[in-house]
Structures are given as C-alpha cells and as structure tokens.
Protein backbone atom coordinates (compact mmCIF):
# COMPACT_ATOMS: atom_id res chain seq x y z
CA ALA A 1 15.63 -15.29 3.38
CA GLU A 2 14.97 -14.81 -0.47
CA LYS A 3 18.59 -14.53 -0.95
CA ALA A 4 19.42 -17.55 1.17
CA ASN A 5 17.10 -19.79 -0.93
CA THR A 6 18.43 -18.31 -4.15
CA ALA A 7 21.94 -19.42 -3.39
CA LYS A 8 20.53 -22.61 -2.24
CA THR A 9 18.99 -23.15 -5.43
CA MET A 10 22.17 -22.20 -7.54
CA ARG A 11 24.13 -24.56 -5.34
CA SER A 12 21.64 -27.67 -6.53
CA LEU A 13 22.14 -26.50 -9.93
CA ASP A 14 25.90 -26.14 -9.73
CA LYS A 15 25.81 -29.52 -8.32
CA GLN A 16 23.91 -31.38 -11.07
CA ILE A 17 26.00 -29.42 -13.83
CA SER A 18 29.26 -30.56 -12.27
CA ALA A 19 28.17 -34.11 -12.20
CA ALA A 20 27.09 -34.25 -15.74
CA LEU A 21 29.70 -31.96 -17.29
CA GLY A 22 32.49 -31.47 -14.73
CA ALA A 23 34.96 -33.65 -16.29
CA LEU A 24 35.21 -31.53 -19.40
CA ASP A 25 37.60 -28.51 -19.83
CA CYS A 26 35.92 -25.13 -20.06
CA GLY A 27 37.26 -24.36 -23.54
CA ALA A 28 36.32 -28.14 -24.78
CA LEU A 29 32.52 -27.68 -23.84
CA SER A 30 30.43 -27.93 -26.96
CA VAL A 31 26.99 -27.13 -27.81
CA THR A 32 26.31 -30.87 -28.14
CA ASP A 33 27.61 -31.54 -24.46
CA CYS A 34 25.18 -29.03 -23.22
CA ALA A 35 22.12 -29.85 -25.40
CA GLU A 36 22.45 -33.48 -24.50
CA PHE A 37 22.46 -32.72 -21.00
CA ILE A 38 19.40 -30.32 -21.03
CA ASP A 39 17.37 -32.48 -23.01
CA GLY A 40 18.12 -35.80 -20.99
CA VAL A 41 16.80 -33.61 -17.97
CA ALA A 42 13.75 -32.53 -20.16
CA GLU A 43 13.02 -36.02 -21.57
CA ALA A 44 13.12 -37.31 -17.60
CA GLY A 45 10.10 -35.48 -17.19
CA ARG A 46 11.78 -32.55 -15.32
CA ALA A 47 11.18 -29.48 -17.86
CA ARG A 48 11.27 -26.93 -15.09
CA SER A 49 14.61 -28.26 -14.17
CA ALA A 50 16.12 -28.09 -17.63
CA GLU A 51 14.94 -24.58 -17.86
CA ALA A 52 16.56 -23.59 -15.07
CA LEU A 53 19.85 -25.60 -15.61
CA ARG A 54 19.93 -24.01 -19.18
CA SER A 55 19.55 -20.63 -17.67
CA ARG A 56 22.32 -21.57 -15.22
CA LEU A 57 24.70 -22.97 -17.90
CA ILE A 58 24.19 -19.74 -19.80
CA ALA A 59 25.26 -17.70 -16.76
CA LEU A 60 28.47 -19.70 -15.93
CA GLY A 61 29.38 -19.43 -19.79
CA ARG A 62 29.12 -15.93 -19.85
CA ARG A 63 31.55 -15.95 -16.77
CA GLY A 64 33.89 -18.32 -18.30
CA MET A 65 34.31 -15.81 -21.30
CA GLN A 66 34.62 -13.00 -19.00
CA LEU A 67 37.66 -14.77 -17.25
CA GLY A 68 39.32 -15.93 -20.62
CA TRP A 69 38.35 -19.71 -19.89
CA MET A 70 35.87 -19.72 -23.13
CA ASN A 71 36.02 -18.42 -26.53
CA SER A 72 32.26 -18.53 -27.12
CA ASN A 73 29.11 -19.55 -24.76
CA PRO A 74 27.86 -23.13 -26.08
CA ALA A 75 24.99 -23.12 -23.91
CA GLU A 76 23.29 -20.44 -25.41
CA ILE A 77 22.84 -21.78 -28.73
CA THR A 78 20.95 -24.74 -27.34
CA ALA A 79 17.32 -24.75 -27.74
CA LYS A 80 15.07 -23.43 -24.55
CA PRO A 81 13.08 -26.42 -23.50
CA ILE A 82 9.36 -26.58 -23.70
CA VAL A 83 7.18 -26.75 -20.44
CA ARG A 84 4.01 -27.83 -20.82
CA VAL A 85 2.19 -27.33 -17.38
CA LYS A 86 -1.16 -29.41 -16.57
CA ARG A 87 -3.11 -27.88 -14.04
CA GLY A 88 -6.08 -29.15 -12.07
CA ARG A 89 -8.98 -26.82 -11.39
CA LEU A 90 -11.29 -27.16 -8.67
CA THR A 91 -15.11 -27.26 -9.44
CA LEU A 92 -17.73 -25.42 -7.52
CA ASP A 93 -18.58 -28.42 -5.44
CA MET A 94 -15.15 -29.02 -4.50
CA PHE A 95 -14.92 -25.52 -3.30
CA ARG A 96 -18.01 -26.06 -1.23
CA ALA A 97 -16.83 -29.35 0.16
CA ILE A 98 -13.39 -27.49 1.24
CA HIS A 99 -15.37 -24.67 2.69
CA ALA A 100 -17.45 -26.91 4.85
CA THR A 101 -13.96 -28.33 6.20
CA ALA A 102 -12.19 -24.68 6.66
CA ASP A 103 -13.60 -24.21 10.30
CA GLN A 104 -11.63 -27.36 11.25
CA VAL A 105 -8.20 -25.48 10.19
CA ALA A 106 -8.82 -21.83 10.93
CA GLU A 107 -11.46 -19.68 11.96
CA TRP A 108 -10.52 -17.17 9.47
CA LEU A 109 -10.38 -19.56 6.37
CA ALA A 110 -14.19 -19.85 5.51
CA PRO A 111 -14.67 -16.23 4.92
CA ALA A 112 -11.35 -15.53 3.70
CA MET A 113 -12.01 -18.43 0.82
CA MET A 114 -15.33 -16.70 0.18
CA LEU A 115 -13.83 -13.33 -0.02
CA ALA A 116 -11.41 -14.73 -2.71
CA LEU A 117 -14.30 -16.50 -4.73
CA VAL A 118 -16.34 -13.26 -4.90
CA THR A 119 -13.78 -10.73 -5.61
CA GLY A 120 -11.32 -12.96 -7.80
CA GLN A 121 -8.36 -11.49 -6.27
CA ASP A 122 -5.18 -13.38 -5.28
CA ARG A 123 -4.04 -14.40 -1.76
CA SER A 124 -1.91 -11.35 -1.09
CA THR A 125 -4.64 -9.04 -2.05
CA ILE A 126 -6.90 -10.73 0.08
CA THR A 127 -4.92 -10.69 3.40
CA ALA A 128 -3.89 -7.17 2.46
CA MET A 129 -7.46 -5.74 2.49
CA GLN A 130 -8.50 -3.50 5.35
CA ARG A 131 -11.43 -2.17 6.73
CA ALA A 132 -10.43 1.44 6.42
CA HIS A 133 -10.56 0.90 2.45
CA VAL A 134 -14.18 0.43 2.57
CA ALA A 135 -16.01 3.39 1.75
CA ASN A 136 -19.05 5.10 -0.58
CA GLY A 137 -19.83 1.72 -1.69
CA TYR A 138 -16.70 0.28 -2.62
CA LEU A 139 -13.76 -1.57 -1.20
CA THR A 140 -10.49 -0.21 -2.47
CA THR A 141 -7.67 -2.70 -2.69
CA TRP A 142 -4.21 -2.91 -4.31
CA ARG A 143 -3.22 -6.12 -6.23
CA SER A 144 0.52 -7.17 -4.88
CA LYS A 145 1.89 -6.62 -8.73
CA THR A 146 0.33 -3.22 -9.12
CA GLN A 147 1.20 -1.73 -5.39
CA ASP A 148 4.19 -0.06 -6.48
CA THR A 149 2.32 1.93 -9.34
CA ASN A 150 -0.27 3.05 -6.85
CA GLN A 151 -3.10 1.92 -9.18
CA PRO A 152 -6.12 0.78 -6.79
CA VAL A 153 -8.85 -1.43 -7.73
CA ALA A 154 -12.20 -0.32 -6.65
CA ILE A 155 -14.76 -3.35 -6.09
CA PRO A 156 -18.36 -2.46 -5.44
CA LEU A 157 -20.16 -3.95 -2.50
CA ALA A 158 -23.01 -4.66 -4.49
CA LEU A 159 -20.93 -7.32 -6.44
CA ARG A 160 -22.72 -10.69 -5.86
CA LEU A 161 -21.94 -14.26 -6.88
CA ASP A 162 -25.25 -15.87 -7.66
CA ALA A 163 -23.54 -19.24 -7.52
CA VAL A 164 -22.88 -19.01 -3.83
CA GLY A 165 -25.43 -16.29 -2.93
CA VAL A 166 -23.02 -14.10 -1.29
CA THR A 167 -22.42 -10.32 -1.73
CA LEU A 168 -19.09 -8.26 -1.04
CA ALA A 169 -21.26 -6.24 1.34
CA SER A 170 -22.07 -9.20 3.55
CA LEU A 171 -18.35 -10.41 3.62
CA VAL A 172 -16.79 -7.32 4.55
CA ALA A 173 -19.60 -6.71 7.24
CA HIS A 174 -18.62 -10.15 8.92
CA ARG A 175 -17.01 -9.87 12.31
CA THR A 176 -15.26 -12.40 14.22
CA GLY A 177 -15.45 -10.40 17.66
CA THR A 178 -11.69 -9.72 17.30
CA VAL A 179 -10.75 -6.00 16.66
CA SER A 180 -8.38 -5.78 13.69
CA LYS A 181 -8.01 -3.54 11.01
CA PHE A 182 -7.57 -6.36 8.33
CA ILE A 183 -10.47 -7.83 6.99
CA VAL A 184 -8.91 -11.30 6.98
CA HIS A 185 -7.02 -11.87 10.23
CA HIS A 186 -5.96 -14.34 13.14
CA VAL A 187 -8.84 -14.86 15.46
CA ASN A 188 -6.39 -16.66 17.69
CA PRO A 189 -2.64 -16.37 18.26
CA TRP A 190 -0.77 -18.31 15.70
CA GLY A 191 3.07 -18.90 16.14
CA ASN A 192 4.26 -15.31 16.88
CA ALA A 193 1.18 -13.87 15.10
CA PRO A 194 -0.87 -12.32 17.75
CA THR A 195 -4.95 -12.05 17.53
CA GLY A 196 -5.75 -9.44 15.18
CA SER A 197 -2.79 -9.57 13.01
CA LYS A 198 -2.57 -9.98 9.34
CA VAL A 199 -2.58 -13.58 7.78
CA HIS A 200 0.60 -14.25 5.90
CA PRO A 201 -0.29 -15.15 2.35
CA ASP A 202 1.57 -18.32 2.80
CA ARG A 203 -0.37 -19.32 5.84
CA PHE A 204 -3.63 -18.91 3.56
CA SER A 205 -2.32 -21.01 1.23
CA HIS A 206 -1.38 -23.91 3.90
CA ALA A 207 -4.40 -23.82 5.46
CA PHE A 208 -6.21 -24.00 2.16
CA THR A 209 -4.32 -27.03 1.25
CA GLU A 210 -4.93 -28.68 4.61
CA ALA A 211 -8.55 -28.00 4.24
CA ARG A 212 -8.91 -29.38 0.75
CA ARG A 213 -7.21 -32.66 1.83
CA LEU A 214 -9.44 -32.79 4.78
CA ALA A 215 -12.36 -32.60 2.50
CA GLY A 216 -10.80 -35.66 0.42
CA ILE A 217 -9.70 -33.81 -2.73
CA PRO A 218 -6.37 -35.21 -3.92
CA ASP A 219 -3.08 -33.25 -4.54
CA VAL A 220 -3.47 -34.63 -8.24
CA LEU A 221 -6.77 -34.41 -10.23
CA PRO A 222 -7.20 -36.59 -13.47
CA VAL A 223 -6.67 -33.38 -15.49
CA GLY A 224 -3.02 -32.58 -13.68
CA ALA A 225 -1.91 -31.62 -10.45
CA LEU A 226 -3.48 -28.93 -8.37
CA PRO A 227 -1.04 -25.86 -7.91
CA HIS A 228 -0.28 -24.99 -4.27
CA GLY A 229 -2.71 -22.98 -2.77
CA LEU A 230 -5.91 -21.52 -4.25
CA THR A 231 -7.32 -22.41 -7.50
CA TRP A 232 -10.60 -23.52 -8.75
CA CYS A 233 -13.01 -22.96 -11.97
C-alpha cells in the first residue's frame, strides 16, 4: 500500500511538471524555467507542493543526465522553498471538551486520550502498550522510531498529571471487561478488527478527530490549522 501511494504521488508530481515544462526540450531546460515553476507554486500558498516538485525535478534531471539527454541538472541550483507551518494547539479546556465526547465515538478513546496526555507518548506508542510490560512500578514501552534499536522507555506508574488529577497507575489499572494483552484495545468489533485486538494508530487519530468535531472545535484555530490526529498544549 505504501509503494502504491508513493507511485500515485510521483504520477501527480510528474503530471504537474509535464503541464508546466513538458513543451521544453530536456537539453534546453534552464535554471530560470525550474525556478519560475517552483516559485510560482510556492507563491500560490503551496510551499509543501513546491518542495516536493523541486525534489522530483532534481531526480528527473539526474536521470536525464544518466541517459545523456542533459549536460547539467538545472533544478539542483534552484533555491529550496521555505515551508512555514502554522499549527494550532489545543488547550486543556479543549481537551476536556473532546474527552467528554469520546465515549460517543469509541469505548476505548477516552482512556487512550488520557494515557497519551499523562505519558506524553505518540499514538503508535500508546496503541502498542501491553499489560505484560507493566512490572516493578513501571510501564516499559518502545517509541515507534526507536523500536529497532531496542531502547525501551520506563515510565513510573506513580507519574501523576495534577492538571487532570490522574496517575499512570490508575490508567493502566482501568479495565473494560474485555480480555486483551493491549492496554488500548477494541471493546467491540471494528471492521476486520475483533474484540480485544490492537487499535490501529490511524484509527486513534480518526476517532480523536471525530470527537473533536463533536465537541465543536473546528479544524482551523485562529493561530493555525490543527494537525491530523492528536495535539494539545
């Protein structure tokens, strides 16, 4: 699926490049041609797309040189688009409002949200947490980006977030009545996921977004758009 998505993205970029520069001979392509194309996309408010198009142009230019169609790669000399990301951040009051609607979306969402807030871990780490990893006063987990290096993170069960009056121990002790090795798990069947199975990280994000919208919190706050999924301050 990942390869299919990558191929789809490349086709989209190639289509845009062809529409803008396809009438030019490869050997005649200049730095100015590339720069005007990339800058035009960036100035239209699509800095991320401009960045991706520049990378694709560079890759195509290198291939053109390998095939003997070009003597140089003009795209490499262009300036990299500056991407300025404005992100909105949820406040604690917003989190509480979303938490209040969580049960309308999924039985596991409210405790999962609180677990993420108290531990400060990302969605992949939260959904991978297992009860077998709770021992000797700690919850041991592995962040998704460091699993390959086998570097665990031991979080004390005594950890408490005073702002919400919750300890990690109480969250780990929470039971849904469903037998599962995962702390966060499906309480009822969901699609092809049976009761007790692990919640996919994307499902976590989608459920959180649904609860946020139910709470009346828009996708875009005055300070910027909210990233997809989980974020608060």
